[in-house]
Amino acid sequence: MQFLVSVIDDGTGPETQVEQDAVDAFNEKLKAAGRWVFAGGLGDPSPARTIDDRAGRGLVTDGPFVESKEYLAGFWIMEADDLDEAFALGAEASRACNRKIEVRPFL
């Protein structure tokens, strides 16, 4: 099964070199275990635009779709045998990047 593991930042600042190194080590562990699919970091949400063109409405709003102190800062796509394993990997990811993590299965 594949899982989306989202990194949630609360605006405390960019990751430190220690956090970067821990994430790199975690990524290597995922790859070695055959659990790595894809990962990526996301830029600051300030230049984001929310676009709603349902039925040709053409509505464009500055900023992310939710006004919040927290925002999606990055993600992993991981392979895991079940939810328990995905949650355990999510806990490791949280420790590595020093951020909150959300784990959700792909349908």
PDB file of N, CA and C in Angstrom:
ATOM      1  N   MET A   1       0.840  -1.186   0.000  1.00  0.00           N
ATOM      2  CA  MET A   1       0.000   0.000   0.000  1.00  0.00           C
ATOM      3  C   MET A   1       0.880   1.243   0.000  1.00  0.00           C
ATOM      4  N   GLN A   2       0.372   2.280  -0.632  1.00  0.00           N
ATOM      5  CA  GLN A   2       1.101   3.545  -0.623  1.00  0.00           C
ATOM      6  C   GLN A   2       0.410   4.542   0.298  1.00  0.00           C
ATOM      7  N   PHE A   3       1.236   5.387   0.932  1.00  0.00           N
ATOM      8  CA  PHE A   3       0.750   6.371   1.887  1.00  0.00           C
ATOM      9  C   PHE A   3       1.370   7.727   1.592  1.00  0.00           C
ATOM     10  N   LEU A   4       0.559   8.762   1.787  1.00  0.00           N
ATOM     11  CA  LEU A   4       1.042  10.130   1.742  1.00  0.00           C
ATOM     12  C   LEU A   4       1.391  10.527   3.166  1.00  0.00           C
ATOM     13  N   VAL A   5       2.625  10.914   3.371  1.00  0.00           N
ATOM     14  CA  VAL A   5       3.093  11.369   4.675  1.00  0.00           C
ATOM     15  C   VAL A   5       3.405  12.855   4.530  1.00  0.00           C
ATOM     16  N   SER A   6       2.530  13.696   5.064  1.00  0.00           N
ATOM     17  CA  SER A   6       2.632  15.148   4.904  1.00  0.00           C
ATOM     18  C   SER A   6       3.391  15.770   6.062  1.00  0.00           C
ATOM     19  N   VAL A   7       4.271  16.706   5.741  1.00  0.00           N
ATOM     20  CA  VAL A   7       5.032  17.454   6.743  1.00  0.00           C
ATOM     21  C   VAL A   7       4.290  18.757   6.994  1.00  0.00           C
ATOM     22  N   ILE A   8       3.936  19.007   8.236  1.00  0.00           N
ATOM     23  CA  ILE A   8       3.173  20.188   8.608  1.00  0.00           C
ATOM     24  C   ILE A   8       4.082  21.138   9.374  1.00  0.00           C
ATOM     25  N   ASP A   9       4.264  22.322   8.826  1.00  0.00           N
ATOM     26  CA  ASP A   9       5.120  23.333   9.451  1.00  0.00           C
ATOM     27  C   ASP A   9       4.230  24.374  10.112  1.00  0.00           C
ATOM     28  N   ASP A  10       4.686  24.915  11.216  1.00  0.00           N
ATOM     29  CA  ASP A  10       3.915  25.940  11.917  1.00  0.00           C
ATOM     30  C   ASP A  10       4.575  27.309  11.818  1.00  0.00           C
ATOM     31  N   GLY A  11       5.473  27.450  10.845  1.00  0.00           N
ATOM     32  CA  GLY A  11       6.117  28.735  10.632  1.00  0.00           C
ATOM     33  C   GLY A  11       7.269  29.017  11.569  1.00  0.00           C
ATOM     34  N   THR A  12       7.833  27.982  12.162  1.00  0.00           N
ATOM     35  CA  THR A  12       8.934  28.177  13.107  1.00  0.00           C
ATOM     36  C   THR A  12      10.252  28.474  12.419  1.00  0.00           C
ATOM     37  N   GLY A  13      10.272  28.440  11.104  1.00  0.00           N
ATOM     38  CA  GLY A  13      11.498  28.764  10.393  1.00  0.00           C
ATOM     39  C   GLY A  13      11.970  27.615   9.547  1.00  0.00           C
ATOM     40  N   PRO A  14      12.962  27.889   8.706  1.00  0.00           N
ATOM     41  CA  PRO A  14      13.467  26.837   7.814  1.00  0.00           C
ATOM     42  C   PRO A  14      14.156  25.731   8.610  1.00  0.00           C
ATOM     43  N   GLU A  15      14.237  24.586   7.964  1.00  0.00           N
ATOM     44  CA  GLU A  15      14.883  23.467   8.639  1.00  0.00           C
ATOM     45  C   GLU A  15      16.358  23.767   8.869  1.00  0.00           C
ATOM     46  N   THR A  16      16.873  23.190   9.930  1.00  0.00           N
ATOM     47  CA  THR A  16      18.279  23.358  10.272  1.00  0.00           C
ATOM     48  C   THR A  16      19.104  22.318   9.532  1.00  0.00           C
ATOM     49  N   GLN A  17      20.405  22.470   9.549  1.00  0.00           N
ATOM     50  CA  GLN A  17      21.290  21.484   8.930  1.00  0.00           C
ATOM     51  C   GLN A  17      21.148  20.133   9.624  1.00  0.00           C
ATOM     52  N   VAL A  18      20.957  20.139  10.932  1.00  0.00           N
ATOM     53  CA  VAL A  18      20.759  18.891  11.676  1.00  0.00           C
ATOM     54  C   VAL A  18      19.497  18.192  11.194  1.00  0.00           C
ATOM     55  N   GLU A  19      18.417  18.962  11.010  1.00  0.00           N
ATOM     56  CA  GLU A  19      17.176  18.374  10.506  1.00  0.00           C
ATOM     57  C   GLU A  19      17.351  17.867   9.078  1.00  0.00           C
ATOM     58  N   GLN A  20      18.033  18.639   8.242  1.00  0.00           N
ATOM     59  CA  GLN A  20      18.297  18.214   6.861  1.00  0.00           C
ATOM     60  C   GLN A  20      19.055  16.888   6.833  1.00  0.00           C
ATOM     61  N   ASP A  21      20.083  16.792   7.678  1.00  0.00           N
ATOM     62  CA  ASP A  21      20.878  15.568   7.730  1.00  0.00           C
ATOM     63  C   ASP A  21      20.041  14.388   8.209  1.00  0.00           C
ATOM     64  N   ALA A  22      19.172  14.626   9.196  1.00  0.00           N
ATOM     65  CA  ALA A  22      18.312  13.561   9.710  1.00  0.00           C
ATOM     66  C   ALA A  22      17.312  13.110   8.647  1.00  0.00           C
ATOM     67  N   VAL A  23      16.768  14.044   7.886  1.00  0.00           N
ATOM     68  CA  VAL A  23      15.841  13.696   6.804  1.00  0.00           C
ATOM     69  C   VAL A  23      16.577  12.907   5.720  1.00  0.00           C
ATOM     70  N   ASP A  24      17.785  13.328   5.367  1.00  0.00           N
ATOM     71  CA  ASP A  24      18.570  12.588   4.374  1.00  0.00           C
ATOM     72  C   ASP A  24      18.812  11.153   4.838  1.00  0.00           C
ATOM     73  N   ALA A  25      19.149  10.973   6.103  1.00  0.00           N
ATOM     74  CA  ALA A  25      19.384   9.629   6.646  1.00  0.00           C
ATOM     75  C   ALA A  25      18.095   8.812   6.625  1.00  0.00           C
ATOM     76  N   PHE A  26      16.980   9.443   6.985  1.00  0.00           N
ATOM     77  CA  PHE A  26      15.686   8.757   6.948  1.00  0.00           C
ATOM     78  C   PHE A  26      15.341   8.340   5.519  1.00  0.00           C
ATOM     79  N   ASN A  27      15.579   9.235   4.558  1.00  0.00           N
ATOM     80  CA  ASN A  27      15.322   8.902   3.157  1.00  0.00           C
ATOM     81  C   ASN A  27      16.154   7.705   2.713  1.00  0.00           C
ATOM     82  N   GLU A  28      17.415   7.678   3.087  1.00  0.00           N
ATOM     83  CA  GLU A  28      18.273   6.540   2.731  1.00  0.00           C
ATOM     84  C   GLU A  28      17.762   5.246   3.352  1.00  0.00           C
ATOM     85  N   LYS A  29      17.259   5.325   4.582  1.00  0.00           N
ATOM     86  CA  LYS A  29      16.691   4.143   5.248  1.00  0.00           C
ATOM     87  C   LYS A  29      15.463   3.650   4.485  1.00  0.00           C
ATOM     88  N   LEU A  30      14.584   4.581   4.073  1.00  0.00           N
ATOM     89  CA  LEU A  30      13.407   4.190   3.291  1.00  0.00           C
ATOM     90  C   LEU A  30      13.812   3.512   1.989  1.00  0.00           C
ATOM     91  N   LYS A  31      14.795   4.078   1.309  1.00  0.00           N
ATOM     92  CA  LYS A  31      15.250   3.509   0.035  1.00  0.00           C
ATOM     93  C   LYS A  31      15.821   2.111   0.236  1.00  0.00           C
ATOM     94  N   ALA A  32      16.648   1.948   1.268  1.00  0.00           N
ATOM     95  CA  ALA A  32      17.265   0.650   1.533  1.00  0.00           C
ATOM     96  C   ALA A  32      16.223  -0.414   1.871  1.00  0.00           C
ATOM     97  N   ALA A  33      15.119   0.006   2.489  1.00  0.00           N
ATOM     98  CA  ALA A  33      14.063  -0.935   2.886  1.00  0.00           C
ATOM     99  C   ALA A  33      13.020  -1.136   1.785  1.00  0.00           C
ATOM    100  N   GLY A  34      13.188  -0.460   0.648  1.00  0.00           N
ATOM    101  CA  GLY A  34      12.221  -0.587  -0.431  1.00  0.00           C
ATOM    102  C   GLY A  34      10.911   0.122  -0.145  1.00  0.00           C
ATOM    103  N   ARG A  35      10.916   1.099   0.745  1.00  0.00           N
ATOM    104  CA  ARG A  35       9.700   1.824   1.124  1.00  0.00           C
ATOM    105  C   ARG A  35       9.581   3.181   0.437  1.00  0.00           C
ATOM    106  N   TRP A  36      10.651   3.646  -0.184  1.00  0.00           N
ATOM    107  CA  TRP A  36      10.693   4.960  -0.839  1.00  0.00           C
ATOM    108  C   TRP A  36       9.936   4.917  -2.154  1.00  0.00           C
ATOM    109  N   VAL A  37       9.080   5.895  -2.387  1.00  0.00           N
ATOM    110  CA  VAL A  37       8.455   6.090  -3.690  1.00  0.00           C
ATOM    111  C   VAL A  37       8.871   7.458  -4.229  1.00  0.00           C
ATOM    112  N   PHE A  38       8.597   8.510  -3.443  1.00  0.00           N
ATOM    113  CA  PHE A  38       8.901   9.866  -3.871  1.00  0.00           C
ATOM    114  C   PHE A  38       8.800  10.780  -2.667  1.00  0.00           C
ATOM    115  N   ALA A  39       9.533  11.884  -2.694  1.00  0.00           N
ATOM    116  CA  ALA A  39       9.420  12.888  -1.637  1.00  0.00           C
ATOM    117  C   ALA A  39       9.752  14.251  -2.215  1.00  0.00           C
ATOM    118  N   GLY A  40       9.269  15.280  -1.558  1.00  0.00           N
ATOM    119  CA  GLY A  40       9.580  16.624  -2.002  1.00  0.00           C
ATOM    120  C   GLY A  40       9.234  17.648  -0.947  1.00  0.00           C
ATOM    121  N   GLY A  41       9.971  18.733  -0.972  1.00  0.00           N
ATOM    122  CA  GLY A  41       9.679  19.857  -0.100  1.00  0.00           C
ATOM    123  C   GLY A  41       8.914  20.911  -0.885  1.00  0.00           C
ATOM    124  N   LEU A  42       8.146  21.704  -0.182  1.00  0.00           N
ATOM    125  CA  LEU A  42       7.360  22.758  -0.815  1.00  0.00           C
ATOM    126  C   LEU A  42       7.825  24.111  -0.308  1.00  0.00           C
ATOM    127  N   GLY A  43       7.752  25.098  -1.165  1.00  0.00           N
ATOM    128  CA  GLY A  43       8.132  26.447  -0.787  1.00  0.00           C
ATOM    129  C   GLY A  43       7.120  27.083   0.151  1.00  0.00           C
ATOM    130  N   ASP A  44       7.471  28.244   0.638  1.00  0.00           N
ATOM    131  CA  ASP A  44       6.607  29.031   1.504  1.00  0.00           C
ATOM    132  C   ASP A  44       5.253  29.247   0.825  1.00  0.00           C
ATOM    133  N   PRO A  45       4.157  29.204   1.569  1.00  0.00           N
ATOM    134  CA  PRO A  45       2.843  29.332   0.943  1.00  0.00           C
ATOM    135  C   PRO A  45       2.462  30.760   0.543  1.00  0.00           C
ATOM    136  N   SER A  46       3.269  31.763   0.878  1.00  0.00           N
ATOM    137  CA  SER A  46       2.862  33.145   0.615  1.00  0.00           C
ATOM    138  C   SER A  46       2.593  33.460  -0.867  1.00  0.00           C
ATOM    139  N   PRO A  47       3.325  32.893  -1.844  1.00  0.00           N
ATOM    140  CA  PRO A  47       2.984  33.209  -3.237  1.00  0.00           C
ATOM    141  C   PRO A  47       1.876  32.320  -3.814  1.00  0.00           C
ATOM    142  N   ALA A  48       1.294  31.443  -2.991  1.00  0.00           N
ATOM    143  CA  ALA A  48       0.277  30.509  -3.492  1.00  0.00           C
ATOM    144  C   ALA A  48      -0.974  31.244  -3.961  1.00  0.00           C
ATOM    145  N   ARG A  49      -1.673  30.619  -4.885  1.00  0.00           N
ATOM    146  CA  ARG A  49      -2.970  31.096  -5.344  1.00  0.00           C
ATOM    147  C   ARG A  49      -3.929  29.914  -5.292  1.00  0.00           C
ATOM    148  N   THR A  50      -5.154  30.171  -4.893  1.00  0.00           N
ATOM    149  CA  THR A  50      -6.201  29.161  -4.932  1.00  0.00           C
ATOM    150  C   THR A  50      -7.089  29.479  -6.116  1.00  0.00           C
ATOM    151  N   ILE A  51      -7.274  28.498  -6.975  1.00  0.00           N
ATOM    152  CA  ILE A  51      -8.018  28.692  -8.219  1.00  0.00           C
ATOM    153  C   ILE A  51      -9.263  27.815  -8.195  1.00  0.00           C
ATOM    154  N   ASP A  52     -10.413  28.426  -8.424  1.00  0.00           N
ATOM    155  CA  ASP A  52     -11.672  27.700  -8.507  1.00  0.00           C
ATOM    156  C   ASP A  52     -12.314  28.043  -9.847  1.00  0.00           C
ATOM    157  N   ASP A  53     -12.127  27.157 -10.816  1.00  0.00           N
ATOM    158  CA  ASP A  53     -12.689  27.399 -12.137  1.00  0.00           C
ATOM    159  C   ASP A  53     -13.816  26.424 -12.440  1.00  0.00           C
ATOM    160  N   ARG A  54     -14.451  25.897 -11.374  1.00  0.00           N
ATOM    161  CA  ARG A  54     -15.606  25.028 -11.594  1.00  0.00           C
ATOM    162  C   ARG A  54     -16.681  25.824 -12.319  1.00  0.00           C
ATOM    163  N   ALA A  55     -17.235  25.231 -13.327  1.00  0.00           N
ATOM    164  CA  ALA A  55     -18.290  25.845 -14.133  1.00  0.00           C
ATOM    165  C   ALA A  55     -17.849  27.192 -14.718  1.00  0.00           C
ATOM    166  N   GLY A  56     -16.522  27.343 -14.959  1.00  0.00           N
ATOM    167  CA  GLY A  56     -16.006  28.551 -15.583  1.00  0.00           C
ATOM    168  C   GLY A  56     -16.052  29.792 -14.703  1.00  0.00           C
ATOM    169  N   ARG A  57     -16.056  29.611 -13.390  1.00  0.00           N
ATOM    170  CA  ARG A  57     -16.169  30.746 -12.469  1.00  0.00           C
ATOM    171  C   ARG A  57     -14.955  31.668 -12.516  1.00  0.00           C
ATOM    172  N   GLY A  58     -13.774  31.102 -12.778  1.00  0.00           N
ATOM    173  CA  GLY A  58     -12.570  31.920 -12.899  1.00  0.00           C
ATOM    174  C   GLY A  58     -12.178  32.647 -11.616  1.00  0.00           C
ATOM    175  N   LEU A  59     -12.462  32.068 -10.470  1.00  0.00           N
ATOM    176  CA  LEU A  59     -12.151  32.699  -9.191  1.00  0.00           C
ATOM    177  C   LEU A  59     -10.718  32.371  -8.789  1.00  0.00           C
ATOM    178  N   VAL A  60      -9.894  33.392  -8.593  1.00  0.00           N
ATOM    179  CA  VAL A  60      -8.511  33.233  -8.155  1.00  0.00           C
ATOM    180  C   VAL A  60      -8.339  34.049  -6.882  1.00  0.00           C
ATOM    181  N   THR A  61      -7.861  33.378  -5.827  1.00  0.00           N
ATOM    182  CA  THR A  61      -7.690  34.022  -4.526  1.00  0.00           C
ATOM    183  C   THR A  61      -6.226  33.943  -4.126  1.00  0.00           C
ATOM    184  N   ASP A  62      -5.670  35.027  -3.616  1.00  0.00           N
ATOM    185  CA  ASP A  62      -4.296  35.009  -3.117  1.00  0.00           C
ATOM    186  C   ASP A  62      -4.202  34.100  -1.905  1.00  0.00           C
ATOM    187  N   GLY A  63      -3.104  33.361  -1.847  1.00  0.00           N
ATOM    188  CA  GLY A  63      -2.811  32.551  -0.676  1.00  0.00           C
ATOM    189  C   GLY A  63      -3.337  31.139  -0.763  1.00  0.00           C
ATOM    190  N   PRO A  64      -2.958  30.327   0.220  1.00  0.00           N
ATOM    191  CA  PRO A  64      -3.438  28.935   0.272  1.00  0.00           C
ATOM    192  C   PRO A  64      -4.935  28.906   0.556  1.00  0.00           C
ATOM    193  N   PHE A  65      -5.559  27.745   0.314  1.00  0.00           N
ATOM    194  CA  PHE A  65      -7.004  27.649   0.439  1.00  0.00           C
ATOM    195  C   PHE A  65      -7.494  27.723   1.874  1.00  0.00           C
ATOM    196  N   VAL A  66      -6.626  27.515   2.839  1.00  0.00           N
ATOM    197  CA  VAL A  66      -6.989  27.609   4.252  1.00  0.00           C
ATOM    198  C   VAL A  66      -6.079  28.632   4.911  1.00  0.00           C
ATOM    199  N   GLU A  67      -6.669  29.587   5.617  1.00  0.00           N
ATOM    200  CA  GLU A  67      -5.862  30.539   6.368  1.00  0.00           C
ATOM    201  C   GLU A  67      -5.517  29.903   7.699  1.00  0.00           C
ATOM    202  N   SER A  68      -4.247  29.648   7.888  1.00  0.00           N
ATOM    203  CA  SER A  68      -3.802  28.950   9.082  1.00  0.00           C
ATOM    204  C   SER A  68      -2.338  29.255   9.325  1.00  0.00           C
ATOM    205  N   LYS A  69      -1.946  29.149  10.576  1.00  0.00           N
ATOM    206  CA  LYS A  69      -0.532  29.282  10.926  1.00  0.00           C
ATOM    207  C   LYS A  69       0.263  28.089  10.389  1.00  0.00           C
ATOM    208  N   GLU A  70      -0.395  26.945  10.289  1.00  0.00           N
ATOM    209  CA  GLU A  70       0.259  25.726   9.810  1.00  0.00           C
ATOM    210  C   GLU A  70       0.049  25.575   8.303  1.00  0.00           C
ATOM    211  N   TYR A  71       1.036  24.959   7.662  1.00  0.00           N
ATOM    212  CA  TYR A  71       0.925  24.739   6.225  1.00  0.00           C
ATOM    213  C   TYR A  71       1.718  23.499   5.835  1.00  0.00           C
ATOM    214  N   LEU A  72       1.391  22.974   4.670  1.00  0.00           N
ATOM    215  CA  LEU A  72       2.078  21.807   4.124  1.00  0.00           C
ATOM    216  C   LEU A  72       3.454  22.234   3.641  1.00  0.00           C
ATOM    217  N   ALA A  73       4.492  21.667   4.237  1.00  0.00           N
ATOM    218  CA  ALA A  73       5.870  22.056   3.917  1.00  0.00           C
ATOM    219  C   ALA A  73       6.581  21.029   3.048  1.00  0.00           C
ATOM    220  N   GLY A  74       6.060  19.826   2.977  1.00  0.00           N
ATOM    221  CA  GLY A  74       6.677  18.786   2.179  1.00  0.00           C
ATOM    222  C   GLY A  74       5.920  17.484   2.355  1.00  0.00           C
ATOM    223  N   PHE A  75       6.408  16.446   1.717  1.00  0.00           N
ATOM    224  CA  PHE A  75       5.707  15.170   1.784  1.00  0.00           C
ATOM    225  C   PHE A  75       6.616  14.027   1.364  1.00  0.00           C
ATOM    226  N   TRP A  76       6.216  12.851   1.755  1.00  0.00           N
ATOM    227  CA  TRP A  76       6.782  11.601   1.264  1.00  0.00           C
ATOM    228  C   TRP A  76       5.633  10.777   0.697  1.00  0.00           C
ATOM    229  N   ILE A  77       5.907  10.010  -0.318  1.00  0.00           N
ATOM    230  CA  ILE A  77       5.040   8.918  -0.743  1.00  0.00           C
ATOM    231  C   ILE A  77       5.815   7.664  -0.369  1.00  0.00           C
ATOM    232  N   MET A  78       5.232   6.848   0.492  1.00  0.00           N
ATOM    233  CA  MET A  78       5.923   5.665   1.020  1.00  0.00           C
ATOM    234  C   MET A  78       5.108   4.411   0.773  1.00  0.00           C
ATOM    235  N   GLU A  79       5.814   3.311   0.686  1.00  0.00           N
ATOM    236  CA  GLU A  79       5.203   1.988   0.670  1.00  0.00           C
ATOM    237  C   GLU A  79       5.231   1.452   2.099  1.00  0.00           C
ATOM    238  N   ALA A  80       4.119   0.870   2.528  1.00  0.00           N
ATOM    239  CA  ALA A  80       4.059   0.199   3.827  1.00  0.00           C
ATOM    240  C   ALA A  80       3.077  -0.952   3.706  1.00  0.00           C
ATOM    241  N   ASP A  81       3.266  -1.968   4.524  1.00  0.00           N
ATOM    242  CA  ASP A  81       2.396  -3.145   4.459  1.00  0.00           C
ATOM    243  C   ASP A  81       0.998  -2.863   4.991  1.00  0.00           C
ATOM    244  N   ASP A  82       0.897  -1.942   5.954  1.00  0.00           N
ATOM    245  CA  ASP A  82      -0.395  -1.642   6.565  1.00  0.00           C
ATOM    246  C   ASP A  82      -0.327  -0.297   7.289  1.00  0.00           C
ATOM    247  N   LEU A  83      -1.440   0.119   7.862  1.00  0.00           N
ATOM    248  CA  LEU A  83      -1.491   1.400   8.571  1.00  0.00           C
ATOM    249  C   LEU A  83      -0.514   1.463   9.737  1.00  0.00           C
ATOM    250  N   ASP A  84      -0.393   0.385  10.474  1.00  0.00           N
ATOM    251  CA  ASP A  84       0.514   0.393  11.634  1.00  0.00           C
ATOM    252  C   ASP A  84       1.945   0.688  11.207  1.00  0.00           C
ATOM    253  N   GLU A  85       2.391   0.044  10.142  1.00  0.00           N
ATOM    254  CA  GLU A  85       3.739   0.313   9.648  1.00  0.00           C
ATOM    255  C   GLU A  85       3.848   1.755   9.135  1.00  0.00           C
ATOM    256  N   ALA A  86       2.827   2.226   8.441  1.00  0.00           N
ATOM    257  CA  ALA A  86       2.840   3.606   7.938  1.00  0.00           C
ATOM    258  C   ALA A  86       2.908   4.599   9.092  1.00  0.00           C
ATOM    259  N   PHE A  87       2.160   4.342  10.165  1.00  0.00           N
ATOM    260  CA  PHE A  87       2.198   5.226  11.326  1.00  0.00           C
ATOM    261  C   PHE A  87       3.563   5.200  11.995  1.00  0.00           C
ATOM    262  N   ALA A  88       4.185   4.030  12.053  1.00  0.00           N
ATOM    263  CA  ALA A  88       5.534   3.929  12.635  1.00  0.00           C
ATOM    264  C   ALA A  88       6.536   4.704  11.783  1.00  0.00           C
ATOM    265  N   LEU A  89       6.427   4.582  10.462  1.00  0.00           N
ATOM    266  CA  LEU A  89       7.309   5.350   9.581  1.00  0.00           C
ATOM    267  C   LEU A  89       7.029   6.841   9.719  1.00  0.00           C
ATOM    268  N   GLY A  90       5.762   7.208   9.887  1.00  0.00           N
ATOM    269  CA  GLY A  90       5.406   8.603  10.108  1.00  0.00           C
ATOM    270  C   GLY A  90       6.027   9.159  11.382  1.00  0.00           C
ATOM    271  N   ALA A  91       6.074   8.350  12.431  1.00  0.00           N
ATOM    272  CA  ALA A  91       6.705   8.780  13.685  1.00  0.00           C
ATOM    273  C   ALA A  91       8.196   9.019  13.468  1.00  0.00           C
ATOM    274  N   GLU A  92       8.846   8.136  12.716  1.00  0.00           N
ATOM    275  CA  GLU A  92      10.266   8.333  12.403  1.00  0.00           C
ATOM    276  C   GLU A  92      10.467   9.601  11.576  1.00  0.00           C
ATOM    277  N   ALA A  93       9.575   9.823  10.617  1.00  0.00           N
ATOM    278  CA  ALA A  93       9.661  11.022   9.784  1.00  0.00           C
ATOM    279  C   ALA A  93       9.517  12.286  10.633  1.00  0.00           C
ATOM    280  N   SER A  94       8.596  12.262  11.584  1.00  0.00           N
ATOM    281  CA  SER A  94       8.389  13.413  12.467  1.00  0.00           C
ATOM    282  C   SER A  94       9.643  13.725  13.275  1.00  0.00           C
ATOM    283  N   ARG A  95      10.273  12.679  13.787  1.00  0.00           N
ATOM    284  CA  ARG A  95      11.511  12.896  14.548  1.00  0.00           C
ATOM    285  C   ARG A  95      12.615  13.433  13.640  1.00  0.00           C
ATOM    286  N   ALA A  96      12.691  12.914  12.413  1.00  0.00           N
ATOM    287  CA  ALA A  96      13.757  13.328  11.489  1.00  0.00           C
ATOM    288  C   ALA A  96      13.628  14.796  11.101  1.00  0.00           C
ATOM    289  N   CYS A  97      12.423  15.219  10.731  1.00  0.00           N
ATOM    290  CA  CYS A  97      12.272  16.589  10.242  1.00  0.00           C
ATOM    291  C   CYS A  97      11.863  17.577  11.330  1.00  0.00           C
ATOM    292  N   ASN A  98      11.588  17.062  12.524  1.00  0.00           N
ATOM    293  CA  ASN A  98      11.220  17.902  13.671  1.00  0.00           C
ATOM    294  C   ASN A  98       9.957  18.715  13.379  1.00  0.00           C
ATOM    295  N   ARG A  99       8.992  18.064  12.750  1.00  0.00           N
ATOM    296  CA  ARG A  99       7.716  18.692  12.415  1.00  0.00           C
ATOM    297  C   ARG A  99       6.592  17.692  12.681  1.00  0.00           C
ATOM    298  N   LYS A 100       5.364  18.198  12.743  1.00  0.00           N
ATOM    299  CA  LYS A 100       4.209  17.311  12.813  1.00  0.00           C
ATOM    300  C   LYS A 100       4.050  16.625  11.463  1.00  0.00           C
ATOM    301  N   ILE A 101       3.451  15.436  11.494  1.00  0.00           N
ATOM    302  CA  ILE A 101       3.273  14.615  10.301  1.00  0.00           C
ATOM    303  C   ILE A 101       1.819  14.148  10.240  1.00  0.00           C
ATOM    304  N   GLU A 102       1.277  14.110   9.042  1.00  0.00           N
ATOM    305  CA  GLU A 102      -0.031  13.486   8.819  1.00  0.00           C
ATOM    306  C   GLU A 102       0.178  12.308   7.877  1.00  0.00           C
ATOM    307  N   VAL A 103      -0.380  11.154   8.218  1.00  0.00           N
ATOM    308  CA  VAL A 103      -0.260   9.940   7.407  1.00  0.00           C
ATOM    309  C   VAL A 103      -1.644   9.567   6.871  1.00  0.00           C
ATOM    310  N   ARG A 104      -1.728   9.422   5.542  1.00  0.00           N
ATOM    311  CA  ARG A 104      -3.002   9.048   4.919  1.00  0.00           C
ATOM    312  C   ARG A 104      -2.753   8.047   3.809  1.00  0.00           C
ATOM    313  N   PRO A 105      -3.610   7.034   3.721  1.00  0.00           N
ATOM    314  CA  PRO A 105      -3.462   6.046   2.632  1.00  0.00           C
ATOM    315  C   PRO A 105      -3.962   6.611   1.307  1.00  0.00           C
ATOM    316  N   PHE A 106      -3.313   6.172   0.227  1.00  0.00           N
ATOM    317  CA  PHE A 106      -3.852   6.426  -1.102  1.00  0.00           C
ATOM    318  C   PHE A 106      -5.003   5.470  -1.324  1.00  0.00           C
ATOM    319  N   LEU A 107      -6.012   5.910  -2.023  1.00  0.00           N
ATOM    320  CA  LEU A 107      -7.150   5.038  -2.319  1.00  0.00           C
ATOM    321  C   LEU A 107      -6.865   4.205  -3.540  1.00  0.00           C
TER     322      LEU A 107
END
